[in-house]
């Protein structure tokens, strides 16, 4: 006798007030107990709506009309409010820190059980079990705000596990994490699936991190419907796929590989062929650029930091950093969570704290001395050094997307429609009547990117701009940043997204404990690090190809 599915969608549709069409429609979906189910799809196709329907947040909290029937462990979510479902379904959102309600790890693990009326002796036992299960026992008395991103994510998952849910819903659990922290979180998640039989339903854009662990992939196809099946079957035709799958499609490999190990077993012939092909051309702009044989006058840096330090009390976040950003280059700023990347970006922009040092940009008037970014007037600062922060939504304050775009055009003195066109290039199809707070995380970030880029500042600083973006949206962002660099702007992107770095960056700067520990051409820096190497580089090593597009161009020139 087979076990019935634990999550069942029976012809489910969700329509929000004022919407022209359902966000999801006619969805039939079964998820079995102990499965790891990964939900994929373009930004804005309804992934968060699908996840929210599992624990009843849709429509009990979000509003809208739910058609059809969703059952979890036999409970109908339409008649069981989220509080009743909390014993069955645990939910962890994109930003774990925003969901914490206590001060310390131990308190947070106990809080959910207190709300459910669990007996104190049972609570204590479950807290100890969860500390061990999530490998966070040494953090028990730590303040939540002092934890790294990966530690916060594991605490957030642990805080819902203490209720012993049968289903765990995760919304982009690795989007804000460095590669090593992401591996730690995914190891904990797969342990829950394999050792405890927990069913995990996870939405994730960085499929290169998770798809090899998946038992099932559910693709939202943009028309409200879904396609569900084994990962290799769904990803064979999916509009979103990790680089290793794209490489497999390009090379015609069968079965389609989902992991680096599987791809390397299929790759010897391709590696041999590429060994007879000229390596891909990559630029290197910055300190590691070779000196040309013919002397040329040195060009001033678009931005130069000297002996830059930032300290918060006794904690030094940035230590004696010397850094130059040059016109025409995209520089990636990498490093584990807590290494000082965001602090450095704010200090470079001029709004952030500095303990010592200077950050200068060339004067606009010929012959004048360079000016420190901290001394720029707000209007000049936006035009000279633009920054898109991690909490991008903080920059949105108007009632509709259309109003935000129009205001950006006016503030930047650009023709009407400039910001709107940039937004459409990044994420097509957003209803301009929508309130910015009602957008998905990726859509909201794209709106802020479009607003900031409308001013086309000479120096563009971006802090984790790919959070919430799917592969096509990241490709569009890469094209925008590449165009900015090609037209003379200097761009620096702080990111954990190694695949994005391989696509767009000319140069990589790596930070650790507030210091710059590596600075050089992308191919040299990322390939030398197991944590930062992109999938294609791992599959084709020791060949110097980093992206699927580079391989495609090489094969077009010299087919196998």
Protein backbone atom coordinates (compact mmCIF):
# COMPACT_ATOMS: atom_id res chain seq x y z
CA UNK A 1 0.00 0.00 0.00
CA UNK A 2 1.60 3.28 -1.11
CA UNK A 3 1.79 6.31 1.18
CA UNK A 4 -0.47 9.16 -0.02
CA UNK A 5 1.23 12.43 -1.04
CA UNK A 6 1.72 14.83 1.86
CA UNK A 7 1.15 18.00 -0.22
CA UNK A 8 -1.65 17.98 -2.82
CA UNK A 9 -2.74 20.81 -5.13
CA UNK A 10 -6.02 19.94 -6.87
CA UNK A 11 -6.75 22.34 -9.76
CA UNK A 12 -5.54 25.29 -7.68
CA UNK A 13 -5.66 28.88 -8.85
CA UNK A 14 -4.97 32.16 -7.05
CA UNK A 15 -6.16 35.55 -8.24
CA UNK A 16 -5.27 38.74 -6.40
CA UNK A 17 -7.56 41.80 -6.26
CA UNK A 18 -7.17 44.04 -9.29
CA UNK A 19 -5.12 41.47 -11.21
CA UNK A 20 -5.92 40.90 -14.90
CA UNK A 21 -5.26 37.17 -14.64
CA UNK A 22 -4.55 34.49 -12.02
CA UNK A 23 -1.02 34.28 -10.63
CA UNK A 24 -1.29 30.48 -10.71
CA UNK A 25 -4.08 28.58 -12.45
CA UNK A 26 -5.20 24.96 -12.73
CA UNK A 27 -2.25 23.63 -10.72
CA UNK A 28 -2.24 19.88 -10.08
CA UNK A 29 0.71 18.89 -7.94
CA UNK A 30 1.61 16.01 -5.61
CA UNK A 31 4.67 16.07 -3.33
CA UNK A 32 5.50 12.85 -1.50
CA UNK A 33 6.72 12.49 2.06
CA UNK A 34 10.49 12.81 2.40
CA UNK A 35 10.97 14.55 -0.96
CA UNK A 36 13.14 17.56 -1.64
CA UNK A 37 11.09 19.55 -4.14
CA UNK A 38 12.69 22.57 -5.83
CA UNK A 39 10.36 25.21 -7.30
CA UNK A 40 11.82 27.11 -10.26
CA UNK A 41 10.63 29.75 -12.70
CA UNK A 42 11.18 33.27 -13.95
CA UNK A 43 10.94 36.14 -11.48
CA UNK A 44 7.30 37.03 -10.88
CA UNK A 45 5.78 33.77 -12.14
CA UNK A 46 4.19 32.98 -8.76
CA UNK A 47 6.73 30.92 -6.82
CA UNK A 48 6.05 32.76 -3.55
CA UNK A 49 2.29 32.36 -4.12
CA UNK A 50 2.73 28.62 -4.58
CA UNK A 51 4.78 28.35 -1.40
CA UNK A 52 2.35 30.54 0.55
CA UNK A 53 -0.58 28.32 -0.43
CA UNK A 54 1.08 25.36 1.31
CA UNK A 55 0.76 26.85 4.80
CA UNK A 56 -2.37 28.91 4.20
CA UNK A 57 -0.73 32.35 4.11
CA UNK A 58 -2.33 32.49 0.66
CA UNK A 59 -5.10 33.61 0.86
CA UNK A 60 -5.63 33.97 4.65
CA UNK A 61 -2.90 36.62 5.01
CA UNK A 62 -2.20 37.87 1.49
CA UNK A 63 -5.82 38.16 0.36
CA UNK A 64 -7.03 37.15 -3.06
CA UNK A 65 -9.24 34.28 -4.15
CA UNK A 66 -8.16 30.65 -3.93
CA UNK A 67 -9.78 28.26 -6.38
CA UNK A 68 -9.44 24.50 -6.05
CA UNK A 69 -8.10 22.72 -2.99
CA UNK A 70 -4.74 22.51 -1.20
CA UNK A 71 -4.25 19.82 1.42
CA UNK A 72 -1.20 19.23 3.61
CA UNK A 73 -1.08 15.98 5.60
CA UNK A 74 -4.81 15.71 4.95
CA UNK A 75 -5.64 19.22 6.21
CA UNK A 76 -7.42 21.64 3.89
CA UNK A 77 -5.60 24.97 4.00
CA UNK A 78 -8.79 26.86 3.11
CA UNK A 79 -10.48 25.77 6.35
CA UNK A 80 -7.36 25.47 8.54
CA UNK A 81 -5.81 28.86 9.39
CA UNK A 82 -1.99 29.21 9.37
CA UNK A 83 -1.79 28.88 13.16
CA UNK A 84 -3.32 25.41 13.02
CA UNK A 85 -1.05 24.45 10.15
CA UNK A 86 2.06 25.58 12.07
CA UNK A 87 2.31 22.14 13.64
CA UNK A 88 2.50 20.58 10.17
CA UNK A 89 4.24 23.22 8.01
CA UNK A 90 7.29 25.28 8.94
CA UNK A 91 8.13 28.33 6.82
CA UNK A 92 11.43 30.21 6.48
CA UNK A 93 11.44 33.39 4.39
CA UNK A 94 14.14 35.01 2.29
CA UNK A 95 15.43 37.23 5.11
CA UNK A 96 15.83 35.19 8.33
CA UNK A 97 16.81 38.22 10.42
CA UNK A 98 13.50 39.90 9.59
CA UNK A 99 11.64 36.88 10.97
CA UNK A 100 13.41 36.66 14.33
CA UNK A 101 11.40 37.78 17.36
CA UNK A 102 13.86 37.18 20.23
CA UNK A 103 17.46 38.14 21.00
CA UNK A 104 19.44 34.90 21.30
CA UNK A 105 19.64 31.58 19.47
CA UNK A 106 18.26 29.50 22.34
CA UNK A 107 15.33 31.87 22.88
CA UNK A 108 14.49 31.83 19.18
CA UNK A 109 14.45 28.04 19.05
CA UNK A 110 12.02 27.95 22.00
CA UNK A 111 9.71 30.77 20.91
CA UNK A 112 7.65 28.84 18.37
CA UNK A 113 7.02 26.01 20.83
CA UNK A 114 5.88 28.51 23.46
CA UNK A 115 3.24 29.79 21.03
CA UNK A 116 2.04 26.22 20.43
CA UNK A 117 1.83 25.45 24.17
CA UNK A 118 4.50 22.75 24.23
CA UNK A 119 5.34 21.54 27.75
CA UNK A 120 8.59 23.03 29.19
CA UNK A 121 10.37 19.68 29.60
CA UNK A 122 9.56 18.77 25.99
CA UNK A 123 10.71 22.21 24.83
CA UNK A 124 14.11 21.79 26.49
CA UNK A 125 14.63 18.39 24.91
CA UNK A 126 13.67 19.64 21.43
CA UNK A 127 15.96 22.68 21.71
CA UNK A 128 18.92 20.41 22.47
CA UNK A 129 18.02 18.07 19.62
CA UNK A 130 17.74 20.96 17.18
CA UNK A 131 21.03 22.53 18.28
CA UNK A 132 22.76 19.26 17.42
CA UNK A 133 20.76 18.60 14.24
CA UNK A 134 21.60 22.03 12.76
CA UNK A 135 25.20 22.00 14.12
CA UNK A 136 24.69 25.26 16.04
CA UNK A 137 25.23 24.10 19.63
CA UNK A 138 28.17 26.46 20.08
CA UNK A 139 25.89 29.38 19.15
CA UNK A 140 23.26 28.73 21.83
CA UNK A 141 23.88 31.96 23.81
CA UNK A 142 24.90 34.17 20.87
CA UNK A 143 22.90 37.28 19.95
CA UNK A 144 21.10 36.68 16.65
CA UNK A 145 22.28 39.98 15.16
CA UNK A 146 25.93 38.95 15.62
CA UNK A 147 25.61 35.76 13.55
CA UNK A 148 26.80 35.34 9.98
CA UNK A 149 24.24 34.92 7.21
CA UNK A 150 24.69 31.15 7.08
CA UNK A 151 24.37 30.85 10.86
CA UNK A 152 21.21 32.97 10.83
CA UNK A 153 19.70 30.76 8.13
CA UNK A 154 20.40 27.60 10.11
CA UNK A 155 18.88 29.14 13.25
CA UNK A 156 15.80 30.19 11.27
CA UNK A 157 15.34 26.64 9.97
CA UNK A 158 15.94 25.25 13.46
CA UNK A 159 13.33 27.58 14.97
CA UNK A 160 10.59 26.01 12.84
CA UNK A 161 11.93 22.47 13.21
CA UNK A 162 11.37 22.49 16.99
CA UNK A 163 7.62 22.24 16.26
CA UNK A 164 8.37 18.96 14.43
CA UNK A 165 6.67 19.94 11.16
CA UNK A 166 6.25 17.32 8.48
CA UNK A 167 6.74 19.89 5.71
CA UNK A 168 9.41 22.61 5.55
CA UNK A 169 8.91 25.51 3.11
CA UNK A 170 12.03 27.54 2.22
CA UNK A 171 11.97 30.71 0.11
CA UNK A 172 15.44 31.27 -1.44
CA UNK A 173 17.40 29.94 1.55
CA UNK A 174 20.83 30.54 -0.03
CA UNK A 175 20.26 33.82 -1.90
CA UNK A 176 22.19 35.95 0.60
CA UNK A 177 24.89 33.42 1.46
CA UNK A 178 28.46 32.95 0.35
CA UNK A 179 29.21 29.58 -1.33
CA UNK A 180 30.56 27.92 1.81
CA UNK A 181 27.67 29.06 4.02
CA UNK A 182 25.20 27.93 1.34
CA UNK A 183 26.77 24.46 1.33
CA UNK A 184 26.40 24.28 5.11
CA UNK A 185 22.70 25.19 4.95
CA UNK A 186 21.99 22.76 2.11
CA UNK A 187 23.83 19.99 3.96
CA UNK A 188 21.53 20.58 6.92
CA UNK A 189 18.45 20.56 4.67
CA UNK A 190 19.40 17.32 2.92
CA UNK A 191 20.06 15.74 6.31
CA UNK A 192 16.48 16.60 7.32
CA UNK A 193 15.17 14.95 4.15
CA UNK A 194 17.26 11.78 4.28
CA UNK A 195 17.55 11.20 8.03
CA UNK A 196 14.20 12.47 9.33
CA UNK A 197 11.93 12.11 6.30
CA UNK A 198 10.96 15.80 6.34
CA UNK A 199 9.37 17.01 3.11
CA UNK A 200 11.11 20.17 1.87
CA UNK A 201 9.61 22.50 -0.73
CA UNK A 202 12.19 25.10 -1.72
CA UNK A 203 12.10 28.03 -4.15
CA UNK A 204 15.58 28.90 -5.35
CA UNK A 205 17.07 30.87 -8.24
CA UNK A 206 20.66 29.67 -7.75
CA UNK A 207 19.94 26.21 -9.08
CA UNK A 208 23.62 25.39 -9.42
CA UNK A 209 23.61 25.04 -5.62
CA UNK A 210 20.55 22.84 -5.11
CA UNK A 211 19.37 20.96 -8.17
CA UNK A 212 21.67 17.97 -7.66
CA UNK A 213 19.96 17.37 -4.29
CA UNK A 214 16.40 17.55 -5.66
CA UNK A 215 14.01 14.62 -5.98
CA UNK A 216 11.46 16.69 -7.86
CA UNK A 217 11.50 20.00 -9.76
CA UNK A 218 8.36 22.09 -10.21
CA UNK A 219 8.60 24.74 -12.93
CA UNK A 220 6.19 27.67 -13.06
CA UNK A 221 5.98 28.41 -16.75
CA UNK A 222 4.66 31.99 -16.66
CA UNK A 223 1.11 31.25 -17.78
CA UNK A 224 -0.06 30.19 -14.32
CA UNK A 225 0.51 26.47 -14.92
CA UNK A 226 3.26 24.20 -13.60
CA UNK A 227 5.35 21.31 -14.89
CA UNK A 228 6.40 18.73 -12.28
CA UNK A 229 8.76 15.80 -12.60
CA UNK A 230 12.30 14.45 -12.11
CA UNK A 231 14.97 17.21 -12.29
CA UNK A 232 16.65 15.95 -15.49
CA UNK A 233 13.28 15.74 -17.24
CA UNK A 234 12.00 19.21 -16.28
CA UNK A 235 15.34 20.99 -16.74
CA UNK A 236 15.84 19.53 -20.21
CA UNK A 237 13.42 22.16 -21.56
CA UNK A 238 13.16 24.68 -18.70
CA UNK A 239 13.72 28.38 -19.40
CA UNK A 240 15.82 28.49 -16.22
CA UNK A 241 18.66 26.02 -15.76
CA UNK A 242 22.06 26.02 -14.02
CA UNK A 243 25.25 26.28 -16.09
CA UNK A 244 26.06 22.56 -15.77
CA UNK A 245 22.69 21.72 -17.35
CA UNK A 246 23.11 24.38 -20.05
CA UNK A 247 26.55 22.94 -20.84
CA UNK A 248 25.01 19.46 -21.06
CA UNK A 249 22.36 20.72 -23.47
CA UNK A 250 25.01 22.44 -25.60
CA UNK A 251 27.22 19.34 -25.72
CA UNK A 252 24.29 16.97 -26.27
CA UNK A 253 25.14 14.87 -23.22
CA UNK A 254 22.75 12.13 -22.14
CA UNK A 255 21.70 11.63 -19.45
CA UNK A 256 21.64 15.35 -18.67
CA UNK A 257 24.12 16.00 -15.81
CA UNK A 258 22.94 17.75 -12.65
CA UNK A 259 26.25 17.78 -10.74
CA UNK A 260 29.87 18.62 -11.43
CA UNK A 261 30.85 14.97 -10.92
CA UNK A 262 28.35 13.71 -13.51
CA UNK A 263 29.36 16.40 -16.00
CA UNK A 264 33.10 15.70 -15.66
CA UNK A 265 32.47 12.05 -16.46
CA UNK A 266 30.85 13.12 -19.73
CA UNK A 267 33.30 15.91 -20.59
CA UNK A 268 36.62 14.29 -21.69
CA UNK A 269 35.87 14.63 -25.43
CA UNK A 270 34.81 18.26 -25.03
CA UNK A 271 37.89 19.09 -22.94
CA UNK A 272 40.10 17.43 -25.56
CA UNK A 273 38.49 19.43 -28.36
CA UNK A 274 38.78 22.73 -26.47
CA UNK A 275 42.46 21.98 -25.92
CA UNK A 276 42.90 22.53 -29.67
CA UNK A 277 40.95 25.81 -29.67
CA UNK A 278 42.34 29.26 -28.79
CA UNK A 279 41.31 30.14 -25.22
CA UNK A 280 38.56 32.73 -24.71
CA UNK A 281 39.67 36.35 -24.67
CA UNK A 282 39.18 38.14 -21.38
CA UNK A 283 40.03 41.70 -20.52
CA UNK A 284 41.72 42.69 -17.29
CA UNK A 285 41.34 46.30 -16.24
CA UNK A 286 42.97 47.47 -13.05
CA UNK A 287 46.13 46.74 -11.11
CA UNK A 288 46.87 43.52 -12.96
CA UNK A 289 46.62 44.95 -16.48
CA UNK A 290 49.89 44.33 -18.34
CA UNK A 291 51.84 47.44 -19.22
CA UNK A 292 51.56 48.09 -22.99
CA UNK A 293 54.76 48.11 -24.98
CA UNK A 294 54.10 51.63 -26.28
CA UNK A 295 54.03 54.16 -23.41
CA UNK A 296 50.68 55.88 -22.92
CA UNK A 297 49.73 58.63 -20.48
CA UNK A 298 48.25 57.17 -17.29
CA UNK A 299 44.51 57.75 -16.94
CA UNK A 300 43.20 58.72 -13.51
CA UNK A 301 41.11 56.19 -11.65
CA UNK A 302 37.37 56.81 -11.60
CA UNK A 303 37.55 56.28 -7.83
CA UNK A 304 40.56 55.75 -5.57
CA UNK A 305 40.57 54.70 -1.92
CA UNK A 306 43.68 55.07 0.20
CA UNK A 307 44.26 53.52 3.66
CA UNK A 308 40.49 53.22 4.12
CA UNK A 309 39.44 51.84 7.50
CA UNK A 310 36.09 51.48 9.24
CA UNK A 311 35.66 50.48 12.88
CA UNK A 312 32.56 50.00 15.00
CA UNK A 313 33.86 50.39 18.53
CA UNK A 314 36.56 47.78 18.96
CA UNK A 315 35.47 45.84 15.86
CA UNK A 316 37.40 46.70 12.70
CA UNK A 317 35.16 46.02 9.68
CA UNK A 318 37.49 47.42 7.00
CA UNK A 319 41.24 47.62 7.53
CA UNK A 320 43.68 49.80 5.54
CA UNK A 321 42.15 49.14 2.11
CA UNK A 322 43.80 50.62 -0.98
CA UNK A 323 41.58 50.24 -4.02
CA UNK A 324 41.12 51.76 -7.47
CA UNK A 325 38.13 51.49 -9.80
CA UNK A 326 38.77 52.30 -13.45
CA UNK A 327 36.58 53.52 -16.26
CA UNK A 328 35.49 50.72 -18.57
CA UNK A 329 35.76 47.86 -16.05
CA UNK A 330 33.37 45.73 -14.01
CA UNK A 331 34.95 44.68 -10.71
CA UNK A 332 33.45 41.94 -8.53
CA UNK A 333 33.85 42.26 -4.75
CA UNK A 334 33.71 38.81 -3.13
CA UNK A 335 34.27 37.21 0.26
CA UNK A 336 32.38 35.28 2.90
CA UNK A 337 29.48 36.79 4.84
CA UNK A 338 30.80 39.31 7.36
CA UNK A 339 34.07 40.03 5.55
CA UNK A 340 33.32 43.77 5.26
CA UNK A 341 32.03 44.08 1.68
CA UNK A 342 28.90 46.14 2.39
CA UNK A 343 30.75 48.37 4.84
CA UNK A 344 33.41 49.02 2.20
CA UNK A 345 30.82 49.95 -0.44
CA UNK A 346 29.11 52.49 1.82
CA UNK A 347 32.49 53.99 2.75
CA UNK A 348 33.42 54.28 -0.94
CA UNK A 349 30.11 55.96 -1.75
CA UNK A 350 30.70 58.58 0.93
CA UNK A 351 27.64 58.06 3.13
CA UNK A 352 29.14 55.34 5.29
CA UNK A 353 31.27 55.59 8.39
CA UNK A 354 35.02 55.99 8.04
CA UNK A 355 37.60 55.75 10.78
CA UNK A 356 40.42 56.95 8.58
CA UNK A 357 41.52 57.17 4.95
CA UNK A 358 40.17 58.96 1.89
CA UNK A 359 38.07 58.10 -1.17
CA UNK A 360 38.50 60.49 -4.07
CA UNK A 361 36.97 60.95 -7.51
CA UNK A 362 38.40 63.26 -10.21
CA UNK A 363 37.20 66.86 -10.13
CA UNK A 364 34.73 67.80 -12.86
CA UNK A 365 36.62 71.03 -13.55
CA UNK A 366 39.86 70.59 -15.44
CA UNK A 367 42.92 71.18 -13.30
CA UNK A 368 41.07 71.08 -9.99
CA UNK A 369 42.09 68.70 -7.22
CA UNK A 370 40.21 65.41 -6.79
CA UNK A 371 37.26 65.57 -4.42
CA UNK A 372 36.42 63.19 -1.56
CA UNK A 373 33.11 61.36 -2.00
CA UNK A 374 32.18 62.26 1.60
CA UNK A 375 32.23 65.96 0.60
CA UNK A 376 29.88 65.64 -2.40
CA UNK A 377 26.47 67.30 -2.22
CA UNK A 378 23.58 64.78 -2.44
CA UNK A 379 22.70 65.70 -6.03
CA UNK A 380 26.34 65.48 -7.12
CA UNK A 381 26.85 62.23 -5.21
CA UNK A 382 24.01 60.52 -7.07
CA UNK A 383 25.48 61.59 -10.39
CA UNK A 384 29.09 60.75 -9.48
CA UNK A 385 28.82 57.61 -7.29
CA UNK A 386 25.57 55.62 -7.24
CA UNK A 387 24.94 52.80 -4.76
CA UNK A 388 22.24 50.11 -4.85
CA UNK A 389 22.09 48.67 -1.29
CA UNK A 390 21.12 45.17 -0.20
CA UNK A 391 17.88 46.46 1.33
CA UNK A 392 16.84 47.94 -1.98
CA UNK A 393 13.22 48.47 -0.92
CA UNK A 394 14.34 51.23 1.45
CA UNK A 395 14.75 53.49 -1.59
CA UNK A 396 11.12 53.07 -2.72
CA UNK A 397 8.53 55.50 -1.35
CA UNK A 398 5.87 56.14 -4.01
CA UNK A 399 2.55 54.38 -4.56
CA UNK A 400 3.13 52.68 -7.92
CA UNK A 401 5.95 51.38 -10.08
CA UNK A 402 5.03 53.95 -12.74
CA UNK A 403 5.42 56.82 -10.26
CA UNK A 404 8.81 55.53 -9.12
CA UNK A 405 10.02 55.36 -12.73
CA UNK A 406 8.70 58.82 -13.58
CA UNK A 407 10.33 60.32 -10.47
CA UNK A 408 13.65 58.66 -11.36
CA UNK A 409 13.53 60.21 -14.84
CA UNK A 410 12.80 63.64 -13.34
CA UNK A 411 15.51 63.42 -10.66
CA UNK A 412 18.12 62.35 -13.20
CA UNK A 413 17.03 64.82 -15.87
CA UNK A 414 16.53 62.00 -18.36
CA UNK A 415 13.83 61.70 -21.04
CA UNK A 416 10.51 60.26 -19.90
CA UNK A 417 10.48 56.47 -20.21
CA UNK A 418 14.22 55.96 -19.58
CA UNK A 419 13.76 54.21 -16.24
CA UNK A 420 10.77 52.26 -17.54
CA UNK A 421 12.82 50.91 -20.46
CA UNK A 422 15.63 49.82 -18.12
CA UNK A 423 13.13 48.03 -15.89
CA UNK A 424 11.58 46.24 -18.85
CA UNK A 425 15.03 45.11 -19.96
CA UNK A 426 15.77 43.64 -16.52
CA UNK A 427 12.39 42.08 -15.68
CA UNK A 428 9.75 42.23 -18.43
CA UNK A 429 6.04 42.42 -17.77
CA UNK A 430 5.73 44.12 -14.38
CA UNK A 431 2.36 45.85 -14.03
CA UNK A 432 3.27 49.53 -13.63
CA UNK A 433 0.17 50.08 -11.46
CA UNK A 434 1.54 47.74 -8.77
CA UNK A 435 2.65 49.11 -5.41
CA UNK A 436 6.42 48.53 -5.08
CA UNK A 437 5.91 46.72 -1.75
CA UNK A 438 3.72 44.16 -3.51
CA UNK A 439 6.49 43.16 -5.92
CA UNK A 440 8.54 40.02 -5.43
CA UNK A 441 12.03 40.42 -4.00
CA UNK A 442 13.60 40.11 -7.45
CA UNK A 443 11.15 42.53 -9.05
CA UNK A 444 11.66 45.11 -6.30
CA UNK A 445 15.44 44.87 -6.63
CA UNK A 446 15.16 45.29 -10.40
CA UNK A 447 13.07 48.43 -9.93
CA UNK A 448 15.68 49.97 -7.63
CA UNK A 449 18.44 49.01 -10.06
CA UNK A 450 16.57 50.72 -12.89
CA UNK A 451 16.03 53.83 -10.74
CA UNK A 452 19.70 54.10 -9.79
CA UNK A 453 20.99 53.33 -13.27
CA UNK A 454 18.71 55.97 -14.79
CA UNK A 455 21.13 58.60 -13.47
CA UNK A 456 24.03 56.73 -15.15
CA UNK A 457 26.52 57.66 -12.42
CA UNK A 458 30.19 57.63 -13.35
CA UNK A 459 30.83 55.03 -10.65
CA UNK A 460 28.17 52.38 -9.99
CA UNK A 461 28.32 50.34 -6.77
CA UNK A 462 25.91 47.42 -6.31
CA UNK A 463 25.49 45.32 -3.16
CA UNK A 464 24.19 41.79 -3.89
CA UNK A 465 22.19 42.85 -6.98
CA UNK A 466 21.36 39.29 -8.11
CA UNK A 467 19.32 38.32 -5.03
CA UNK A 468 15.93 37.12 -6.24
CA UNK A 469 16.88 37.28 -9.93
CA UNK A 470 16.49 34.32 -12.28
CA UNK A 471 19.10 33.40 -14.90
CA UNK A 472 17.57 35.48 -17.76
CA UNK A 473 17.21 38.50 -15.44
CA UNK A 474 20.85 38.12 -14.36
CA UNK A 475 21.90 37.91 -18.00
CA UNK A 476 19.98 41.13 -18.66
CA UNK A 477 21.63 42.81 -15.67
CA UNK A 478 25.04 41.65 -16.89
CA UNK A 479 24.30 43.22 -20.28
CA UNK A 480 23.34 46.51 -18.62
CA UNK A 481 26.50 46.57 -16.49
CA UNK A 482 28.65 45.58 -19.45
CA UNK A 483 27.12 48.43 -21.48
CA UNK A 484 27.86 50.87 -18.65
CA UNK A 485 31.48 49.75 -18.55
CA UNK A 486 31.84 49.84 -22.33
CA UNK A 487 30.56 53.42 -22.36
CA UNK A 488 33.16 54.55 -19.83
CA UNK A 489 31.62 53.95 -16.40
CA UNK A 490 33.31 52.16 -13.51
CA UNK A 491 31.27 49.37 -11.92
CA UNK A 492 31.80 47.43 -8.69
CA UNK A 493 29.47 44.57 -7.74
CA UNK A 494 29.53 42.95 -4.31
CA UNK A 495 28.18 39.43 -4.76
CA UNK A 496 28.30 35.80 -3.70
CA UNK A 497 27.07 34.72 -7.14
CA UNK A 498 30.12 33.11 -8.73
CA UNK A 499 28.27 32.39 -11.98
CA UNK A 500 27.35 36.06 -12.37
CA UNK A 501 30.95 37.05 -11.66
CA UNK A 502 32.20 34.67 -14.34
CA UNK A 503 29.79 36.25 -16.81
CA UNK A 504 30.36 39.95 -16.25
CA UNK A 505 33.49 40.74 -14.21
CA UNK A 506 36.84 41.80 -15.64
CA UNK A 507 38.51 41.78 -12.24
CA UNK A 508 37.82 40.22 -8.83
CA UNK A 509 38.68 41.66 -5.41
CA UNK A 510 38.37 39.22 -2.49
CA UNK A 511 37.99 40.39 1.11
CA UNK A 512 38.52 38.51 4.37
CA UNK A 513 38.23 40.00 7.86
CA UNK A 514 38.09 43.51 6.44
CA UNK A 515 41.23 43.22 4.31
CA UNK A 516 41.77 42.72 0.58
CA UNK A 517 43.40 39.31 0.19
CA UNK A 518 43.25 38.94 -3.60
CA UNK A 519 42.92 41.35 -6.51
CA UNK A 520 43.35 40.29 -10.11
CA UNK A 521 41.79 39.18 -13.39
CA UNK A 522 38.63 37.12 -12.99
CA UNK A 523 39.97 33.93 -14.53
CA UNK A 524 43.03 33.92 -12.27
CA UNK A 525 41.22 34.66 -9.01
CA UNK A 526 38.09 32.51 -9.28
CA UNK A 527 39.66 29.41 -10.80
CA UNK A 528 42.29 29.29 -8.05
CA UNK A 529 39.55 29.07 -5.39
CA UNK A 530 37.40 25.92 -5.04
CA UNK A 531 34.67 28.00 -3.36
CA UNK A 532 34.54 30.73 -6.02
CA UNK A 533 35.08 28.69 -9.20
CA UNK A 534 32.04 28.62 -11.54
CA UNK A 535 30.53 25.32 -12.64
CA UNK A 536 31.91 25.39 -16.19
CA UNK A 537 35.44 25.97 -14.89
CA UNK A 538 35.12 22.96 -12.57
CA UNK A 539 33.79 20.74 -15.35
CA UNK A 540 36.38 21.77 -17.97
CA UNK A 541 39.43 22.22 -15.72
CA UNK A 542 42.26 22.65 -16.54
CA UNK A 543 40.85 24.39 -19.63
CA UNK A 544 40.35 28.16 -19.05
CA UNK A 545 36.66 28.42 -20.06
CA UNK A 546 34.40 29.94 -17.37
CA UNK A 547 30.93 30.21 -18.92
CA UNK A 548 28.63 28.32 -21.27
CA UNK A 549 28.62 31.29 -23.66
CA UNK A 550 32.41 31.12 -23.97
CA UNK A 551 32.19 27.42 -24.82
CA UNK A 552 29.38 28.08 -27.32
CA UNK A 553 31.41 30.77 -29.12
CA UNK A 554 34.44 28.49 -29.29
CA UNK A 555 32.38 25.62 -30.73
CA UNK A 556 30.82 27.92 -33.32
CA UNK A 557 34.31 28.84 -34.51
CA UNK A 558 35.63 25.27 -34.48
CA UNK A 559 32.82 22.69 -34.27
CA UNK A 560 33.57 19.25 -32.84
